[in-house]
Amino acid sequence: MNASSTYGLSSQARNLQWLLTDLVEEVPGVNSVAVVSSDGLLLLSSDPAAPDTPAASSAPARPSGPRGASADLATIVSGLGSLTTGAAALMDGGSVKQTMVAMEHGSVFVMSISDGSLLGVHATPDCDMSVVAYHMALFVGRAGHVLTPEVRSELRQSMENTP
């Protein structure tokens, strides 16, 4: 979702987009962010330019736009959320608060939002994980009460209409 695609959205939806953009732009090491509904649909995403890293330059080209890298992150976030929720249930661990996967060329963080949605962040390998987690928690705290069924529907529709 870019600035022009926020036209016509409610103030709550625009505020969520602003929070997401702020997370990407203000937190060092964050490459991209996605908010996924409890049923796995992409609600919000950042669609940044590919980072200038050796790993990125050697990686196969990904399609851009809401059904490119953002859709990939949304799929990963949804899958990790489902996997960790199932594991927690098997282990009587209660609800999953956060999941982190550290890889050679980056990290993926997934955090639950109160309505059952998930916030996912793809970050660089040298990011400060505690800073990323802190800012994700801020986003979740601010977004949780705003993600009503009406706003989720509005965001979902907006993502479907994005070229």
C-alpha atoms as a PDB file:
ATOM      1  CA  MET A   1       0.000   0.000   0.000  1.00  0.00           C
ATOM      2  CA  ASN A   2       1.528   3.293  -0.985  1.00  0.00           C
ATOM      3  CA  ALA A   3       0.438   6.818  -0.154  1.00  0.00           C
ATOM      4  CA  SER A   4      -1.846   7.078  -3.168  1.00  0.00           C
ATOM      5  CA  SER A   5      -3.644   3.849  -2.258  1.00  0.00           C
ATOM      6  CA  THR A   6      -4.675   5.247   1.129  1.00  0.00           C
ATOM      7  CA  TYR A   7      -7.101   7.662  -0.535  1.00  0.00           C
ATOM      8  CA  GLY A   8     -10.646   6.816   0.442  1.00  0.00           C
ATOM      9  CA  LEU A   9      -9.651   4.724   3.464  1.00  0.00           C
ATOM     10  CA  SER A  10     -11.048   5.375   6.918  1.00  0.00           C
ATOM     11  CA  SER A  11      -8.893   7.234   9.421  1.00  0.00           C
ATOM     12  CA  GLN A  12      -8.306   3.960  11.324  1.00  0.00           C
ATOM     13  CA  ALA A  13      -7.013   2.212   8.186  1.00  0.00           C
ATOM     14  CA  ARG A  14      -4.824   5.209   7.274  1.00  0.00           C
ATOM     15  CA  ASN A  15      -3.456   5.276  10.825  1.00  0.00           C
ATOM     16  CA  LEU A  16      -2.523   1.583  10.617  1.00  0.00           C
ATOM     17  CA  GLN A  17      -0.771   2.203   7.295  1.00  0.00           C
ATOM     18  CA  TRP A  18       1.103   5.122   8.856  1.00  0.00           C
ATOM     19  CA  LEU A  19       2.181   2.923  11.795  1.00  0.00           C
ATOM     20  CA  LEU A  20       3.410   0.254   9.393  1.00  0.00           C
ATOM     21  CA  THR A  21       5.327   2.759   7.274  1.00  0.00           C
ATOM     22  CA  ASP A  22       6.844   4.247  10.422  1.00  0.00           C
ATOM     23  CA  LEU A  23       7.995   0.793  11.547  1.00  0.00           C
ATOM     24  CA  VAL A  24       9.801   0.198   8.248  1.00  0.00           C
ATOM     25  CA  GLU A  25      11.330   3.665   7.987  1.00  0.00           C
ATOM     26  CA  GLU A  26      12.293   4.263  11.618  1.00  0.00           C
ATOM     27  CA  VAL A  27      13.606   0.894  12.807  1.00  0.00           C
ATOM     28  CA  PRO A  28      17.122   0.097  11.571  1.00  0.00           C
ATOM     29  CA  GLY A  29      17.396  -3.222   9.779  1.00  0.00           C
ATOM     30  CA  VAL A  30      13.715  -3.700   8.945  1.00  0.00           C
ATOM     31  CA  ASN A  31      13.287  -4.671   5.295  1.00  0.00           C
ATOM     32  CA  SER A  32       9.562  -5.288   5.080  1.00  0.00           C
ATOM     33  CA  VAL A  33       6.452  -5.695   7.197  1.00  0.00           C
ATOM     34  CA  ALA A  34       3.151  -7.506   6.695  1.00  0.00           C
ATOM     35  CA  VAL A  35      -0.040  -7.727   8.726  1.00  0.00           C
ATOM     36  CA  VAL A  36      -1.949 -10.931   8.072  1.00  0.00           C
ATOM     37  CA  SER A  37      -5.498 -11.693   9.187  1.00  0.00           C
ATOM     38  CA  SER A  38      -6.249 -14.727  11.335  1.00  0.00           C
ATOM     39  CA  ASP A  39      -7.383 -16.549   8.182  1.00  0.00           C
ATOM     40  CA  GLY A  40      -4.080 -15.857   6.403  1.00  0.00           C
ATOM     41  CA  LEU A  41      -5.056 -12.946   4.164  1.00  0.00           C
ATOM     42  CA  LEU A  42      -2.715 -10.012   3.659  1.00  0.00           C
ATOM     43  CA  LEU A  43      -4.186  -6.862   5.254  1.00  0.00           C
ATOM     44  CA  LEU A  44      -1.272  -4.420   5.189  1.00  0.00           C
ATOM     45  CA  SER A  45       2.188  -4.541   3.713  1.00  0.00           C
ATOM     46  CA  SER A  46       5.227  -2.511   2.984  1.00  0.00           C
ATOM     47  CA  ASP A  47       6.684  -3.126  -0.423  1.00  0.00           C
ATOM     48  CA  PRO A  48      10.206  -1.779  -0.131  1.00  0.00           C
ATOM     49  CA  ALA A  49      12.904  -1.795  -2.745  1.00  0.00           C
ATOM     50  CA  ALA A  50      15.218  -4.762  -2.458  1.00  0.00           C
ATOM     51  CA  PRO A  51      18.015  -4.116   0.033  1.00  0.00           C
ATOM     52  CA  ASP A  52      21.541  -3.560  -1.309  1.00  0.00           C
ATOM     53  CA  THR A  53      23.151  -6.631   0.158  1.00  0.00           C
ATOM     54  CA  PRO A  54      25.193  -9.402  -1.440  1.00  0.00           C
ATOM     55  CA  ALA A  55      22.478 -11.882  -0.479  1.00  0.00           C
ATOM     56  CA  ALA A  56      19.818  -9.791  -2.191  1.00  0.00           C
ATOM     57  CA  SER A  57      21.848  -9.324  -5.360  1.00  0.00           C
ATOM     58  CA  SER A  58      22.469 -13.068  -5.708  1.00  0.00           C
ATOM     59  CA  ALA A  59      18.870 -14.006  -4.905  1.00  0.00           C
ATOM     60  CA  PRO A  60      16.456 -14.749  -7.757  1.00  0.00           C
ATOM     61  CA  ALA A  61      14.321 -11.808  -8.824  1.00  0.00           C
ATOM     62  CA  ARG A  62      10.971 -11.595  -7.042  1.00  0.00           C
ATOM     63  CA  PRO A  63       7.878 -10.014  -8.513  1.00  0.00           C
ATOM     64  CA  SER A  64       7.114  -6.646  -7.016  1.00  0.00           C
ATOM     65  CA  GLY A  65       3.806  -5.356  -5.752  1.00  0.00           C
ATOM     66  CA  PRO A  66       1.300  -6.706  -3.270  1.00  0.00           C
ATOM     67  CA  ARG A  67       1.366 -10.180  -4.757  1.00  0.00           C
ATOM     68  CA  GLY A  68       5.190 -10.356  -4.926  1.00  0.00           C
ATOM     69  CA  ALA A  69       7.530 -10.055  -1.952  1.00  0.00           C
ATOM     70  CA  SER A  70       4.724  -8.908   0.343  1.00  0.00           C
ATOM     71  CA  ALA A  71       2.661 -11.963  -0.501  1.00  0.00           C
ATOM     72  CA  ASP A  72       5.697 -14.139   0.195  1.00  0.00           C
ATOM     73  CA  LEU A  73       6.142 -12.547   3.620  1.00  0.00           C
ATOM     74  CA  ALA A  74       2.416 -12.881   4.331  1.00  0.00           C
ATOM     75  CA  THR A  75       2.551 -16.585   3.460  1.00  0.00           C
ATOM     76  CA  ILE A  76       5.557 -17.119   5.721  1.00  0.00           C
ATOM     77  CA  VAL A  77       3.962 -15.172   8.582  1.00  0.00           C
ATOM     78  CA  SER A  78       0.715 -17.116   8.284  1.00  0.00           C
ATOM     79  CA  GLY A  79       2.537 -20.451   8.145  1.00  0.00           C
ATOM     80  CA  LEU A  80       4.794 -19.686  11.105  1.00  0.00           C
ATOM     81  CA  GLY A  81       1.810 -18.448  13.082  1.00  0.00           C
ATOM     82  CA  SER A  82      -0.093 -21.644  12.413  1.00  0.00           C
ATOM     83  CA  LEU A  83       2.891 -23.876  13.142  1.00  0.00           C
ATOM     84  CA  THR A  84       3.764 -22.200  16.436  1.00  0.00           C
ATOM     85  CA  THR A  85       0.129 -22.085  17.570  1.00  0.00           C
ATOM     86  CA  GLY A  86      -0.133 -25.834  16.931  1.00  0.00           C
ATOM     87  CA  ALA A  87       3.142 -26.486  18.753  1.00  0.00           C
ATOM     88  CA  ALA A  88       2.017 -24.406  21.738  1.00  0.00           C
ATOM     89  CA  ALA A  89      -1.248 -26.342  21.909  1.00  0.00           C
ATOM     90  CA  LEU A  90       0.591 -29.682  21.837  1.00  0.00           C
ATOM     91  CA  MET A  91       2.919 -28.521  24.596  1.00  0.00           C
ATOM     92  CA  ASP A  92       0.214 -26.869  26.712  1.00  0.00           C
ATOM     93  CA  GLY A  93       2.215 -23.667  26.287  1.00  0.00           C
ATOM     94  CA  GLY A  94      -0.652 -21.196  26.120  1.00  0.00           C
ATOM     95  CA  SER A  95      -0.874 -18.557  23.428  1.00  0.00           C
ATOM     96  CA  VAL A  96       2.121 -17.684  21.266  1.00  0.00           C
ATOM     97  CA  LYS A  97       3.326 -14.127  21.800  1.00  0.00           C
ATOM     98  CA  GLN A  98       6.285 -13.957  19.406  1.00  0.00           C
ATOM     99  CA  THR A  99       8.249 -16.163  17.039  1.00  0.00           C
ATOM    100  CA  MET A 100      11.710 -15.384  15.683  1.00  0.00           C
ATOM    101  CA  VAL A 101      13.650 -17.197  12.978  1.00  0.00           C
ATOM    102  CA  ALA A 102      17.302 -16.223  12.557  1.00  0.00           C
ATOM    103  CA  MET A 103      18.824 -17.080   9.187  1.00  0.00           C
ATOM    104  CA  GLU A 104      22.216 -16.493   7.632  1.00  0.00           C
ATOM    105  CA  HIS A 105      20.950 -13.569   5.558  1.00  0.00           C
ATOM    106  CA  GLY A 106      18.141 -12.191   7.687  1.00  0.00           C
ATOM    107  CA  SER A 107      15.550 -12.721  10.372  1.00  0.00           C
ATOM    108  CA  VAL A 108      11.783 -13.104  10.436  1.00  0.00           C
ATOM    109  CA  PHE A 109       9.735 -12.051  13.444  1.00  0.00           C
ATOM    110  CA  VAL A 110       6.057 -12.859  13.968  1.00  0.00           C
ATOM    111  CA  MET A 111       3.985 -11.324  16.748  1.00  0.00           C
ATOM    112  CA  SER A 112       0.324 -11.911  17.591  1.00  0.00           C
ATOM    113  CA  ILE A 113      -2.133  -9.028  17.502  1.00  0.00           C
ATOM    114  CA  SER A 114      -5.076  -9.175  19.915  1.00  0.00           C
ATOM    115  CA  ASP A 115      -7.698  -9.865  17.224  1.00  0.00           C
ATOM    116  CA  GLY A 116      -5.859 -12.982  16.012  1.00  0.00           C
ATOM    117  CA  SER A 117      -4.040 -11.185  13.218  1.00  0.00           C
ATOM    118  CA  LEU A 118      -0.273 -11.436  12.945  1.00  0.00           C
ATOM    119  CA  LEU A 119       2.449  -8.847  12.453  1.00  0.00           C
ATOM    120  CA  GLY A 120       5.435 -10.122  10.494  1.00  0.00           C
ATOM    121  CA  VAL A 121       8.774  -8.411   9.989  1.00  0.00           C
ATOM    122  CA  HIS A 122      11.642  -9.397   7.705  1.00  0.00           C
ATOM    123  CA  ALA A 123      14.883  -7.827   8.931  1.00  0.00           C
ATOM    124  CA  THR A 124      18.579  -7.830   8.112  1.00  0.00           C
ATOM    125  CA  PRO A 125      20.894 -10.311   9.832  1.00  0.00           C
ATOM    126  CA  ASP A 126      22.647  -7.528  11.749  1.00  0.00           C
ATOM    127  CA  CYS A 127      19.485  -5.883  13.107  1.00  0.00           C
ATOM    128  CA  ASP A 128      19.167  -5.336  16.833  1.00  0.00           C
ATOM    129  CA  MET A 129      16.551  -7.984  17.585  1.00  0.00           C
ATOM    130  CA  SER A 130      15.480  -6.362  20.836  1.00  0.00           C
ATOM    131  CA  VAL A 131      14.840  -3.042  19.074  1.00  0.00           C
ATOM    132  CA  VAL A 132      12.809  -4.764  16.344  1.00  0.00           C
ATOM    133  CA  ALA A 133      10.788  -6.699  18.958  1.00  0.00           C
ATOM    134  CA  TYR A 134      10.192  -3.526  20.990  1.00  0.00           C
ATOM    135  CA  HIS A 135       8.859  -1.610  17.988  1.00  0.00           C
ATOM    136  CA  MET A 136       6.728  -4.564  16.941  1.00  0.00           C
ATOM    137  CA  ALA A 137       5.212  -4.611  20.436  1.00  0.00           C
ATOM    138  CA  LEU A 138       4.453  -0.885  20.108  1.00  0.00           C
ATOM    139  CA  PHE A 139       2.724  -1.513  16.771  1.00  0.00           C
ATOM    140  CA  VAL A 140       0.714  -4.406  18.224  1.00  0.00           C
ATOM    141  CA  GLY A 141      -0.328  -2.292  21.216  1.00  0.00           C
ATOM    142  CA  ARG A 142      -1.486   0.536  18.986  1.00  0.00           C
ATOM    143  CA  ALA A 143      -3.069  -1.599  16.267  1.00  0.00           C
ATOM    144  CA  GLY A 144      -4.817  -4.249  18.335  1.00  0.00           C
ATOM    145  CA  HIS A 145      -7.867  -2.200  19.283  1.00  0.00           C
ATOM    146  CA  VAL A 146      -8.165  -0.636  15.815  1.00  0.00           C
ATOM    147  CA  LEU A 147      -8.323  -3.877  13.803  1.00  0.00           C
ATOM    148  CA  THR A 148     -12.077  -4.258  14.012  1.00  0.00           C
ATOM    149  CA  PRO A 149     -13.895  -6.554  11.569  1.00  0.00           C
ATOM    150  CA  GLU A 150     -14.884  -3.465   9.552  1.00  0.00           C
ATOM    151  CA  VAL A 151     -11.292  -2.184   9.287  1.00  0.00           C
ATOM    152  CA  ARG A 152      -9.976  -5.673   8.432  1.00  0.00           C
ATOM    153  CA  SER A 153     -12.562  -5.922   5.653  1.00  0.00           C
ATOM    154  CA  GLU A 154     -11.644  -2.453   4.384  1.00  0.00           C
ATOM    155  CA  LEU A 155      -7.915  -3.283   4.376  1.00  0.00           C
ATOM    156  CA  ARG A 156      -8.496  -6.630   2.686  1.00  0.00           C
ATOM    157  CA  GLN A 157     -10.556  -4.937  -0.029  1.00  0.00           C
ATOM    158  CA  SER A 158      -7.882  -2.275  -0.470  1.00  0.00           C
ATOM    159  CA  MET A 159      -5.172  -4.938  -0.931  1.00  0.00           C
ATOM    160  CA  GLU A 160      -7.318  -6.750  -3.527  1.00  0.00           C
ATOM    161  CA  ASN A 161      -7.783  -3.518  -5.478  1.00  0.00           C
ATOM    162  CA  THR A 162      -4.089  -2.601  -5.492  1.00  0.00           C
ATOM    163  CA  PRO A 163      -2.607  -3.108  -8.985  1.00  0.00           C
END
